[in-house]
Amino acid sequence: MTARTASVRRDTDETRITLAIDLDGTGRADLHTGVPFFDHMLTQIARHGLIDMTLHADGDLEVDAHHTVEDVGIVFGQAVAQAVSDKRGIQRYGHAYVPLDESLSRVVLDFSGRPGLFYRVDYVRPRIGDFDVDLLREFFQGFVNHAQVTAHLDNLRGENAHHQAETLFKAFGRALRAAVTADPRMAGQIPSTKGSL
């Protein structure tokens, strides 16, 4: 099978980001965004998605973490889109439920070629440490826009904001892993009756 890897660089007046991924990795993560909680969440995607990921982001954190988190989502979406190329042979769909103590989240993905984010997460508090939980939606929005993925992300229950976020990112990693998995029965085929995605 052809290597499913990608490297993306993004330089703006607000952020400078380099990212390399391997969709057929072991979950190794070397992440440096300057936002420790965000690094912790991205590590969940790598580990549970079995995606090797090397990321360095230098953003305007003196303003806040918004630009860094959003732009990492953009770059990650671009990298995944590059790595799956024309999507021949992939499962296309992926879903996962993940619990963590009292919290339970569900993520369903479709590599449809149509970006759409349906995000239903009512965090029990607005901040985890000094991290604004609103930024997590911005990460996923950046991802779906640039990976051309439809994503349904739901936290079904939770009483601890850290647990809510962590189950969401773990479920996202598991769903992503399922969606990009190669199916030998689909070798060379586009997983759509339209013949393109």
N, C-alpha and C. Protein backbone atom coordinates (compact mmCIF):
# COMPACT_ATOMS: atom_id res chain seq x y z
N MET A 1 0.85 -1.19 0.00
CA MET A 1 0.00 0.00 0.00
C MET A 1 0.89 1.25 0.00
N THR A 2 0.49 2.24 -0.77
CA THR A 2 1.21 3.50 -0.82
C THR A 2 1.17 4.18 0.55
N ALA A 3 2.30 4.79 0.91
CA ALA A 3 2.36 5.49 2.20
C ALA A 3 1.32 6.60 2.23
N ARG A 4 0.59 6.66 3.33
CA ARG A 4 -0.45 7.69 3.48
C ARG A 4 0.05 8.73 4.47
N THR A 5 0.93 9.57 3.98
CA THR A 5 1.58 10.58 4.80
C THR A 5 1.33 11.95 4.18
N ALA A 6 1.53 12.97 5.00
CA ALA A 6 1.40 14.35 4.50
C ALA A 6 2.19 15.28 5.40
N SER A 7 2.69 16.35 4.81
CA SER A 7 3.35 17.42 5.55
C SER A 7 2.75 18.74 5.09
N VAL A 8 2.39 19.58 6.05
CA VAL A 8 1.76 20.87 5.73
C VAL A 8 2.44 21.96 6.55
N ARG A 9 2.63 23.10 5.91
CA ARG A 9 3.15 24.27 6.61
C ARG A 9 2.18 25.42 6.39
N ARG A 10 1.91 26.17 7.45
CA ARG A 10 1.04 27.34 7.34
C ARG A 10 1.72 28.51 8.06
N ASP A 11 1.92 29.59 7.34
CA ASP A 11 2.52 30.80 7.91
C ASP A 11 1.58 31.97 7.68
N THR A 12 1.14 32.57 8.77
CA THR A 12 0.32 33.78 8.69
C THR A 12 0.90 34.81 9.66
N ASP A 13 0.29 35.96 9.72
CA ASP A 13 0.73 36.97 10.69
C ASP A 13 0.39 36.57 12.12
N GLU A 14 -0.46 35.53 12.27
CA GLU A 14 -0.91 35.11 13.60
C GLU A 14 -0.27 33.80 14.06
N THR A 15 0.03 32.91 13.11
CA THR A 15 0.58 31.60 13.47
C THR A 15 1.58 31.14 12.44
N ARG A 16 2.51 30.28 12.91
CA ARG A 16 3.44 29.57 12.05
C ARG A 16 3.38 28.11 12.49
N ILE A 17 2.91 27.25 11.59
CA ILE A 17 2.62 25.86 11.96
C ILE A 17 3.24 24.92 10.96
N THR A 18 3.88 23.85 11.46
CA THR A 18 4.32 22.74 10.61
C THR A 18 3.73 21.47 11.21
N LEU A 19 3.24 20.60 10.33
CA LEU A 19 2.61 19.36 10.75
C LEU A 19 2.97 18.25 9.78
N ALA A 20 3.34 17.10 10.32
CA ALA A 20 3.56 15.89 9.51
C ALA A 20 2.74 14.78 10.15
N ILE A 21 2.03 14.00 9.31
CA ILE A 21 1.23 12.90 9.81
C ILE A 21 1.48 11.63 8.98
N ASP A 22 1.23 10.51 9.61
CA ASP A 22 1.22 9.20 8.95
C ASP A 22 -0.04 8.50 9.43
N LEU A 23 -1.00 8.30 8.52
CA LEU A 23 -2.27 7.69 8.91
C LEU A 23 -2.12 6.23 9.31
N ASP A 24 -1.01 5.61 8.91
CA ASP A 24 -0.80 4.20 9.22
C ASP A 24 0.31 4.04 10.25
N GLY A 25 0.28 4.89 11.25
CA GLY A 25 1.31 4.88 12.27
C GLY A 25 0.94 4.03 13.47
N THR A 26 1.55 4.36 14.59
CA THR A 26 1.32 3.63 15.84
C THR A 26 0.76 4.52 16.94
N GLY A 27 0.49 5.79 16.60
CA GLY A 27 -0.05 6.71 17.60
C GLY A 27 1.01 7.56 18.28
N ARG A 28 2.19 7.63 17.67
CA ARG A 28 3.28 8.43 18.24
C ARG A 28 2.99 9.91 18.02
N ALA A 29 3.14 10.70 19.07
CA ALA A 29 2.85 12.14 18.97
C ALA A 29 4.00 12.96 19.54
N ASP A 30 4.44 13.95 18.77
CA ASP A 30 5.43 14.92 19.20
C ASP A 30 4.81 16.29 18.93
N LEU A 31 4.19 16.86 19.96
CA LEU A 31 3.32 18.01 19.79
C LEU A 31 3.78 19.20 20.62
N HIS A 32 3.84 20.35 20.00
CA HIS A 32 4.26 21.56 20.69
C HIS A 32 3.46 22.75 20.16
N THR A 33 2.34 23.04 20.82
CA THR A 33 1.52 24.18 20.40
C THR A 33 1.67 25.37 21.34
N GLY A 34 2.29 25.16 22.49
CA GLY A 34 2.34 26.21 23.50
C GLY A 34 1.10 26.26 24.36
N VAL A 35 0.16 25.34 24.11
CA VAL A 35 -1.10 25.27 24.88
C VAL A 35 -1.19 23.85 25.44
N PRO A 36 -0.74 23.63 26.67
CA PRO A 36 -0.61 22.26 27.19
C PRO A 36 -1.90 21.44 27.14
N PHE A 37 -3.04 22.02 27.49
CA PHE A 37 -4.28 21.25 27.45
C PHE A 37 -4.60 20.82 26.02
N PHE A 38 -4.38 21.70 25.06
CA PHE A 38 -4.64 21.37 23.66
C PHE A 38 -3.71 20.26 23.19
N ASP A 39 -2.44 20.31 23.58
CA ASP A 39 -1.52 19.22 23.25
C ASP A 39 -2.05 17.89 23.80
N HIS A 40 -2.58 17.93 25.01
CA HIS A 40 -3.14 16.73 25.64
C HIS A 40 -4.31 16.19 24.82
N MET A 41 -5.16 17.06 24.30
CA MET A 41 -6.29 16.62 23.48
C MET A 41 -5.81 16.07 22.14
N LEU A 42 -4.87 16.73 21.49
CA LEU A 42 -4.35 16.24 20.22
C LEU A 42 -3.66 14.89 20.37
N THR A 43 -3.04 14.68 21.52
CA THR A 43 -2.41 13.38 21.78
C THR A 43 -3.44 12.28 21.78
N GLN A 44 -4.66 12.58 22.22
CA GLN A 44 -5.73 11.57 22.20
C GLN A 44 -6.07 11.16 20.77
N ILE A 45 -6.10 12.15 19.85
CA ILE A 45 -6.37 11.82 18.45
C ILE A 45 -5.28 10.91 17.90
N ALA A 46 -4.04 11.27 18.15
CA ALA A 46 -2.93 10.47 17.64
C ALA A 46 -2.97 9.05 18.21
N ARG A 47 -3.08 8.94 19.51
CA ARG A 47 -3.01 7.63 20.16
C ARG A 47 -4.17 6.73 19.76
N HIS A 48 -5.38 7.28 19.82
CA HIS A 48 -6.55 6.45 19.55
C HIS A 48 -6.84 6.32 18.06
N GLY A 49 -6.28 7.23 17.26
CA GLY A 49 -6.42 7.12 15.81
C GLY A 49 -5.29 6.36 15.16
N LEU A 50 -4.27 5.98 15.97
CA LEU A 50 -3.06 5.32 15.45
C LEU A 50 -2.44 6.15 14.32
N ILE A 51 -2.39 7.46 14.56
CA ILE A 51 -1.80 8.40 13.61
C ILE A 51 -0.51 8.93 14.22
N ASP A 52 0.60 8.77 13.51
CA ASP A 52 1.83 9.42 13.94
C ASP A 52 1.73 10.90 13.56
N MET A 53 2.08 11.76 14.52
CA MET A 53 1.87 13.19 14.31
C MET A 53 3.03 13.98 14.92
N THR A 54 3.63 14.83 14.12
CA THR A 54 4.66 15.76 14.59
C THR A 54 4.17 17.16 14.27
N LEU A 55 4.02 17.96 15.31
CA LEU A 55 3.40 19.29 15.17
C LEU A 55 4.18 20.32 15.95
N HIS A 56 4.48 21.43 15.30
CA HIS A 56 5.03 22.58 15.99
C HIS A 56 4.24 23.81 15.58
N ALA A 57 3.67 24.49 16.56
CA ALA A 57 2.89 25.70 16.30
C ALA A 57 3.43 26.84 17.14
N ASP A 58 3.66 27.95 16.49
CA ASP A 58 4.11 29.18 17.16
C ASP A 58 3.06 30.23 16.86
N GLY A 59 2.19 30.48 17.84
CA GLY A 59 1.07 31.40 17.61
C GLY A 59 1.11 32.60 18.52
N ASP A 60 0.19 33.52 18.29
CA ASP A 60 0.12 34.77 19.07
C ASP A 60 -0.61 34.52 20.39
N LEU A 61 -0.01 33.69 21.23
CA LEU A 61 -0.63 33.33 22.51
C LEU A 61 -0.72 34.51 23.47
N GLU A 62 0.02 35.58 23.17
CA GLU A 62 -0.12 36.78 24.00
C GLU A 62 -1.50 37.40 23.82
N VAL A 63 -2.15 37.12 22.69
CA VAL A 63 -3.53 37.56 22.48
C VAL A 63 -4.46 36.57 23.18
N ASP A 64 -4.50 35.35 22.69
CA ASP A 64 -5.13 34.20 23.34
C ASP A 64 -4.83 32.99 22.46
N ALA A 65 -5.43 31.85 22.77
CA ALA A 65 -5.11 30.62 22.04
C ALA A 65 -5.96 30.42 20.80
N HIS A 66 -6.87 31.35 20.50
CA HIS A 66 -7.84 31.13 19.43
C HIS A 66 -7.19 30.83 18.09
N HIS A 67 -6.28 31.70 17.65
CA HIS A 67 -5.69 31.53 16.33
C HIS A 67 -4.89 30.23 16.24
N THR A 68 -4.19 29.90 17.31
CA THR A 68 -3.39 28.67 17.31
C THR A 68 -4.28 27.45 17.19
N VAL A 69 -5.32 27.38 17.99
CA VAL A 69 -6.21 26.20 17.99
C VAL A 69 -6.93 26.09 16.65
N GLU A 70 -7.47 27.18 16.15
CA GLU A 70 -8.19 27.14 14.88
C GLU A 70 -7.26 26.75 13.73
N ASP A 71 -6.07 27.34 13.69
CA ASP A 71 -5.16 27.08 12.58
C ASP A 71 -4.60 25.67 12.62
N VAL A 72 -4.42 25.11 13.81
CA VAL A 72 -4.02 23.70 13.88
C VAL A 72 -5.12 22.82 13.29
N GLY A 73 -6.38 23.15 13.54
CA GLY A 73 -7.48 22.42 12.93
C GLY A 73 -7.44 22.50 11.41
N ILE A 74 -7.16 23.69 10.89
CA ILE A 74 -7.05 23.88 9.44
C ILE A 74 -5.94 23.01 8.87
N VAL A 75 -4.77 23.08 9.48
CA VAL A 75 -3.61 22.34 8.98
C VAL A 75 -3.83 20.83 9.11
N PHE A 76 -4.43 20.39 10.20
CA PHE A 76 -4.70 18.97 10.37
C PHE A 76 -5.69 18.49 9.30
N GLY A 77 -6.71 19.28 9.02
CA GLY A 77 -7.64 18.93 7.96
C GLY A 77 -6.97 18.84 6.60
N GLN A 78 -6.09 19.80 6.30
CA GLN A 78 -5.35 19.78 5.04
C GLN A 78 -4.48 18.53 4.94
N ALA A 79 -3.81 18.18 6.04
CA ALA A 79 -2.91 17.03 6.04
C ALA A 79 -3.69 15.73 5.84
N VAL A 80 -4.81 15.58 6.52
CA VAL A 80 -5.62 14.37 6.36
C VAL A 80 -6.14 14.27 4.93
N ALA A 81 -6.58 15.39 4.37
CA ALA A 81 -7.07 15.39 2.99
C ALA A 81 -5.97 14.95 2.02
N GLN A 82 -4.75 15.45 2.24
CA GLN A 82 -3.63 15.04 1.39
C GLN A 82 -3.34 13.55 1.54
N ALA A 83 -3.37 13.07 2.78
CA ALA A 83 -2.99 11.68 3.05
C ALA A 83 -3.99 10.68 2.47
N VAL A 84 -5.28 11.02 2.46
CA VAL A 84 -6.27 10.09 1.89
C VAL A 84 -6.44 10.29 0.39
N SER A 85 -5.87 11.38 -0.14
CA SER A 85 -5.85 11.64 -1.57
C SER A 85 -7.27 11.58 -2.15
N ASP A 86 -7.50 10.70 -3.13
CA ASP A 86 -8.83 10.64 -3.75
C ASP A 86 -9.77 9.69 -3.01
N LYS A 87 -9.32 9.16 -1.88
CA LYS A 87 -10.13 8.32 -0.97
C LYS A 87 -10.40 6.92 -1.50
N ARG A 88 -9.67 6.53 -2.52
CA ARG A 88 -9.85 5.17 -3.05
C ARG A 88 -9.52 4.14 -1.97
N GLY A 89 -10.43 3.18 -1.80
CA GLY A 89 -10.18 2.05 -0.92
C GLY A 89 -10.42 2.27 0.56
N ILE A 90 -10.79 3.49 0.98
CA ILE A 90 -11.02 3.71 2.41
C ILE A 90 -12.45 3.32 2.79
N GLN A 91 -12.65 3.13 4.08
CA GLN A 91 -13.99 2.80 4.57
C GLN A 91 -14.98 3.96 4.37
N ARG A 92 -14.47 5.18 4.43
CA ARG A 92 -15.23 6.42 4.27
C ARG A 92 -15.94 6.84 5.55
N TYR A 93 -16.67 5.93 6.17
CA TYR A 93 -17.43 6.26 7.39
C TYR A 93 -16.71 5.73 8.62
N GLY A 94 -16.84 6.45 9.72
CA GLY A 94 -16.30 5.96 10.98
C GLY A 94 -17.13 6.50 12.13
N HIS A 95 -17.29 5.70 13.16
CA HIS A 95 -18.00 6.18 14.35
C HIS A 95 -17.39 5.54 15.59
N ALA A 96 -17.57 6.21 16.71
CA ALA A 96 -17.07 5.68 17.97
C ALA A 96 -17.83 6.31 19.14
N TYR A 97 -18.05 5.48 20.14
CA TYR A 97 -18.52 5.94 21.45
C TYR A 97 -17.36 5.74 22.41
N VAL A 98 -17.07 6.74 23.23
CA VAL A 98 -15.99 6.61 24.21
C VAL A 98 -16.46 7.16 25.55
N PRO A 99 -16.33 6.35 26.62
CA PRO A 99 -16.64 6.82 27.97
C PRO A 99 -15.36 7.22 28.71
N LEU A 100 -15.50 8.05 29.68
CA LEU A 100 -14.47 8.31 30.68
C LEU A 100 -15.21 8.62 31.97
N ASP A 101 -15.24 7.64 32.85
CA ASP A 101 -16.00 7.77 34.09
C ASP A 101 -17.45 8.16 33.76
N GLU A 102 -17.89 9.33 34.21
CA GLU A 102 -19.30 9.70 34.05
C GLU A 102 -19.62 10.26 32.66
N SER A 103 -18.58 10.55 31.88
CA SER A 103 -18.78 11.22 30.60
C SER A 103 -18.83 10.22 29.45
N LEU A 104 -19.64 10.51 28.44
CA LEU A 104 -19.77 9.66 27.27
C LEU A 104 -19.95 10.53 26.04
N SER A 105 -19.11 10.29 25.02
CA SER A 105 -19.22 11.05 23.77
C SER A 105 -19.32 10.12 22.58
N ARG A 106 -19.96 10.64 21.53
CA ARG A 106 -20.12 9.91 20.27
C ARG A 106 -19.65 10.81 19.12
N VAL A 107 -18.86 10.22 18.22
CA VAL A 107 -18.42 10.94 17.03
C VAL A 107 -18.71 10.07 15.81
N VAL A 108 -19.31 10.68 14.78
CA VAL A 108 -19.60 9.99 13.52
C VAL A 108 -19.03 10.86 12.40
N LEU A 109 -18.21 10.23 11.53
CA LEU A 109 -17.55 10.95 10.44
C LEU A 109 -17.91 10.35 9.08
N ASP A 110 -17.96 11.21 8.08
CA ASP A 110 -18.17 10.80 6.70
C ASP A 110 -17.22 11.60 5.83
N PHE A 111 -16.30 10.91 5.15
CA PHE A 111 -15.40 11.57 4.21
C PHE A 111 -16.16 11.81 2.90
N SER A 112 -17.15 12.65 2.98
CA SER A 112 -18.15 12.85 1.93
C SER A 112 -17.70 13.82 0.85
N GLY A 113 -16.67 14.63 1.14
CA GLY A 113 -16.33 15.73 0.25
C GLY A 113 -17.15 16.97 0.52
N ARG A 114 -18.02 16.89 1.52
CA ARG A 114 -18.88 18.02 1.89
C ARG A 114 -18.60 18.39 3.35
N PRO A 115 -18.05 19.57 3.59
CA PRO A 115 -17.77 19.94 4.99
C PRO A 115 -19.03 20.26 5.76
N GLY A 116 -19.14 19.71 6.94
CA GLY A 116 -20.27 20.02 7.81
C GLY A 116 -19.94 19.63 9.23
N LEU A 117 -20.14 20.54 10.15
CA LEU A 117 -19.89 20.26 11.57
C LEU A 117 -21.20 20.39 12.33
N PHE A 118 -21.57 19.31 13.01
CA PHE A 118 -22.76 19.28 13.86
C PHE A 118 -22.27 18.93 15.25
N TYR A 119 -22.15 19.95 16.09
CA TYR A 119 -21.40 19.88 17.34
C TYR A 119 -22.36 20.18 18.49
N ARG A 120 -22.61 19.17 19.29
CA ARG A 120 -23.53 19.34 20.42
C ARG A 120 -22.82 18.94 21.70
N VAL A 121 -22.20 19.95 22.31
CA VAL A 121 -21.45 19.73 23.54
C VAL A 121 -21.78 20.87 24.50
N ASP A 122 -22.42 20.55 25.60
CA ASP A 122 -22.74 21.55 26.62
C ASP A 122 -21.79 21.34 27.79
N TYR A 123 -20.68 22.07 27.75
CA TYR A 123 -19.68 21.92 28.81
C TYR A 123 -20.24 22.43 30.13
N VAL A 124 -19.87 21.75 31.19
CA VAL A 124 -20.39 22.12 32.51
C VAL A 124 -19.72 23.37 33.05
N ARG A 125 -18.60 23.76 32.46
CA ARG A 125 -17.99 25.04 32.81
C ARG A 125 -17.25 25.57 31.59
N PRO A 126 -17.03 26.88 31.52
CA PRO A 126 -16.50 27.47 30.30
C PRO A 126 -14.99 27.34 30.13
N ARG A 127 -14.28 26.98 31.20
CA ARG A 127 -12.82 26.89 31.10
C ARG A 127 -12.35 25.60 31.76
N ILE A 128 -11.29 25.05 31.18
CA ILE A 128 -10.58 23.92 31.79
C ILE A 128 -9.20 24.46 32.11
N GLY A 129 -8.94 24.71 33.38
CA GLY A 129 -7.75 25.49 33.74
C GLY A 129 -7.93 26.88 33.15
N ASP A 130 -6.96 27.30 32.31
CA ASP A 130 -7.11 28.60 31.66
C ASP A 130 -7.49 28.45 30.18
N PHE A 131 -7.93 27.25 29.80
CA PHE A 131 -8.30 26.99 28.40
C PHE A 131 -9.79 27.23 28.20
N ASP A 132 -10.14 28.03 27.20
CA ASP A 132 -11.53 28.35 26.85
C ASP A 132 -12.10 27.20 26.02
N VAL A 133 -13.11 26.51 26.53
CA VAL A 133 -13.65 25.34 25.83
C VAL A 133 -14.30 25.69 24.49
N ASP A 134 -14.69 26.96 24.28
CA ASP A 134 -15.25 27.35 22.99
C ASP A 134 -14.26 27.11 21.85
N LEU A 135 -12.97 27.12 22.16
CA LEU A 135 -11.96 26.95 21.12
C LEU A 135 -11.96 25.55 20.52
N LEU A 136 -12.46 24.57 21.26
CA LEU A 136 -12.47 23.21 20.74
C LEU A 136 -13.36 23.10 19.50
N ARG A 137 -14.47 23.79 19.53
CA ARG A 137 -15.32 23.82 18.33
C ARG A 137 -14.57 24.43 17.15
N GLU A 138 -13.77 25.45 17.40
CA GLU A 138 -13.01 26.09 16.32
C GLU A 138 -12.02 25.12 15.70
N PHE A 139 -11.41 24.27 16.52
CA PHE A 139 -10.51 23.25 15.99
C PHE A 139 -11.26 22.31 15.05
N PHE A 140 -12.39 21.80 15.49
CA PHE A 140 -13.14 20.85 14.66
C PHE A 140 -13.70 21.53 13.41
N GLN A 141 -14.10 22.79 13.52
CA GLN A 141 -14.60 23.51 12.34
C GLN A 141 -13.49 23.66 11.31
N GLY A 142 -12.30 24.02 11.76
CA GLY A 142 -11.16 24.12 10.84
C GLY A 142 -10.87 22.79 10.17
N PHE A 143 -10.95 21.71 10.96
CA PHE A 143 -10.69 20.39 10.40
C PHE A 143 -11.70 20.03 9.32
N VAL A 144 -13.00 20.11 9.61
CA VAL A 144 -14.00 19.66 8.63
C VAL A 144 -13.96 20.52 7.37
N ASN A 145 -13.71 21.81 7.51
CA ASN A 145 -13.68 22.68 6.35
C ASN A 145 -12.58 22.28 5.37
N HIS A 146 -11.45 21.83 5.91
CA HIS A 146 -10.29 21.57 5.05
C HIS A 146 -10.08 20.10 4.74
N ALA A 147 -10.65 19.22 5.53
CA ALA A 147 -10.62 17.79 5.20
C ALA A 147 -11.82 17.41 4.34
N GLN A 148 -12.79 18.33 4.22
CA GLN A 148 -14.02 18.07 3.45
C GLN A 148 -14.77 16.87 4.03
N VAL A 149 -14.98 16.94 5.34
CA VAL A 149 -15.61 15.85 6.10
C VAL A 149 -16.89 16.36 6.75
N THR A 150 -17.90 15.50 6.80
CA THR A 150 -19.08 15.76 7.62
C THR A 150 -18.84 15.10 8.97
N ALA A 151 -19.02 15.86 10.05
CA ALA A 151 -18.73 15.35 11.39
C ALA A 151 -19.88 15.67 12.34
N HIS A 152 -20.35 14.65 13.04
CA HIS A 152 -21.32 14.80 14.12
C HIS A 152 -20.59 14.47 15.42
N LEU A 153 -20.49 15.46 16.29
CA LEU A 153 -19.81 15.29 17.58
C LEU A 153 -20.79 15.61 18.69
N ASP A 154 -21.05 14.63 19.53
CA ASP A 154 -22.03 14.79 20.61
C ASP A 154 -21.45 14.30 21.93
N ASN A 155 -21.51 15.16 22.94
CA ASN A 155 -21.26 14.68 24.29
C ASN A 155 -22.62 14.32 24.86
N LEU A 156 -22.81 13.04 25.13
CA LEU A 156 -24.11 12.54 25.54
C LEU A 156 -24.38 12.75 27.02
N ARG A 157 -23.31 12.75 27.81
CA ARG A 157 -23.44 13.08 29.23
C ARG A 157 -22.07 13.38 29.80
N GLY A 158 -22.07 14.12 30.88
CA GLY A 158 -20.80 14.46 31.52
C GLY A 158 -21.00 15.48 32.62
N GLU A 159 -20.20 15.34 33.67
CA GLU A 159 -20.26 16.27 34.80
C GLU A 159 -18.92 16.92 35.07
N ASN A 160 -17.92 16.58 34.26
CA ASN A 160 -16.57 17.11 34.40
C ASN A 160 -16.12 17.57 33.02
N ALA A 161 -15.80 18.86 32.88
CA ALA A 161 -15.50 19.42 31.57
C ALA A 161 -14.28 18.76 30.93
N HIS A 162 -13.28 18.45 31.73
CA HIS A 162 -12.09 17.77 31.19
C HIS A 162 -12.49 16.42 30.62
N HIS A 163 -13.32 15.68 31.33
CA HIS A 163 -13.78 14.37 30.84
C HIS A 163 -14.61 14.53 29.57
N GLN A 164 -15.45 15.54 29.52
CA GLN A 164 -16.26 15.78 28.32
C GLN A 164 -15.36 15.99 27.10
N ALA A 165 -14.38 16.86 27.25
CA ALA A 165 -13.47 17.15 26.13
C ALA A 165 -12.65 15.92 25.76
N GLU A 166 -12.15 15.23 26.74
CA GLU A 166 -11.27 14.09 26.46
C GLU A 166 -12.03 12.97 25.76
N THR A 167 -13.26 12.69 26.19
CA THR A 167 -14.03 11.65 25.49
C THR A 167 -14.31 12.06 24.05
N LEU A 168 -14.53 13.35 23.82
CA LEU A 168 -14.79 13.82 22.47
C LEU A 168 -13.57 13.60 21.57
N PHE A 169 -12.39 13.94 22.06
CA PHE A 169 -11.18 13.79 21.26
C PHE A 169 -10.79 12.33 21.08
N LYS A 170 -10.99 11.51 22.10
CA LYS A 170 -10.72 10.08 21.94
C LYS A 170 -11.67 9.47 20.92
N ALA A 171 -12.94 9.81 21.01
CA ALA A 171 -13.92 9.28 20.06
C ALA A 171 -13.62 9.77 18.65
N PHE A 172 -13.18 11.01 18.53
CA PHE A 172 -12.82 11.55 17.22
C PHE A 172 -11.66 10.75 16.63
N GLY A 173 -10.65 10.46 17.45
CA GLY A 173 -9.52 9.67 16.98
C GLY A 173 -9.93 8.29 16.52
N ARG A 174 -10.79 7.64 17.30
CA ARG A 174 -11.26 6.28 16.94
C ARG A 174 -12.11 6.31 15.67
N ALA A 175 -12.99 7.31 15.54
CA ALA A 175 -13.83 7.41 14.35
C ALA A 175 -12.99 7.73 13.11
N LEU A 176 -12.00 8.58 13.26
CA LEU A 176 -11.12 8.91 12.16
C LEU A 176 -10.34 7.67 11.70
N ARG A 177 -9.83 6.94 12.67
CA ARG A 177 -9.11 5.69 12.35
C ARG A 177 -10.00 4.74 11.54
N ALA A 178 -11.25 4.59 11.96
CA ALA A 178 -12.16 3.69 11.24
C ALA A 178 -12.44 4.19 9.83
N ALA A 179 -12.66 5.49 9.69
CA ALA A 179 -13.05 6.04 8.38
C ALA A 179 -11.93 5.93 7.35
N VAL A 180 -10.68 6.10 7.78
CA VAL A 180 -9.57 6.08 6.81
C VAL A 180 -8.96 4.70 6.65
N THR A 181 -9.46 3.70 7.38
CA THR A 181 -8.94 2.35 7.25
C THR A 181 -9.17 1.83 5.83
N ALA A 182 -8.14 1.21 5.29
CA ALA A 182 -8.24 0.64 3.95
C ALA A 182 -8.99 -0.69 4.01
N ASP A 183 -9.93 -0.85 3.11
CA ASP A 183 -10.69 -2.09 2.98
C ASP A 183 -10.19 -2.80 1.72
N PRO A 184 -9.54 -3.97 1.85
CA PRO A 184 -8.99 -4.64 0.67
C PRO A 184 -10.04 -4.97 -0.39
N ARG A 185 -11.28 -5.09 0.03
CA ARG A 185 -12.34 -5.37 -0.95
C ARG A 185 -12.68 -4.15 -1.79
N MET A 186 -12.26 -2.97 -1.30
CA MET A 186 -12.52 -1.72 -2.01
C MET A 186 -11.29 -1.22 -2.75
N ALA A 187 -10.24 -2.04 -2.85
CA ALA A 187 -8.99 -1.60 -3.44
C ALA A 187 -9.22 -0.94 -4.80
N GLY A 188 -8.74 0.27 -4.92
CA GLY A 188 -8.86 1.00 -6.17
C GLY A 188 -10.21 1.61 -6.44
N GLN A 189 -11.16 1.41 -5.53
CA GLN A 189 -12.51 1.92 -5.76
C GLN A 189 -12.80 3.14 -4.89
N ILE A 190 -13.60 4.03 -5.42
CA ILE A 190 -14.10 5.17 -4.65
C ILE A 190 -15.33 4.70 -3.89
N PRO A 191 -15.40 4.93 -2.56
CA PRO A 191 -16.54 4.46 -1.78
C PRO A 191 -17.78 5.34 -1.95
N SER A 192 -18.26 5.41 -3.19
CA SER A 192 -19.46 6.20 -3.48
C SER A 192 -20.06 5.71 -4.78
N THR A 193 -21.38 5.67 -4.87
CA THR A 193 -22.04 5.31 -6.13
C THR A 193 -21.87 6.39 -7.19
N LYS A 194 -21.46 7.60 -6.76
CA LYS A 194 -21.22 8.68 -7.73
C LYS A 194 -19.91 8.49 -8.48
N GLY A 195 -18.99 7.71 -7.87
CA GLY A 195 -17.69 7.51 -8.49
C GLY A 195 -16.67 8.55 -8.12
N SER A 196 -17.03 9.51 -7.27
CA SER A 196 -16.08 10.51 -6.78
C SER A 196 -16.58 11.07 -5.46
N LEU A 197 -15.63 11.56 -4.67
CA LEU A 197 -15.96 12.17 -3.39
C LEU A 197 -15.19 13.49 -3.27
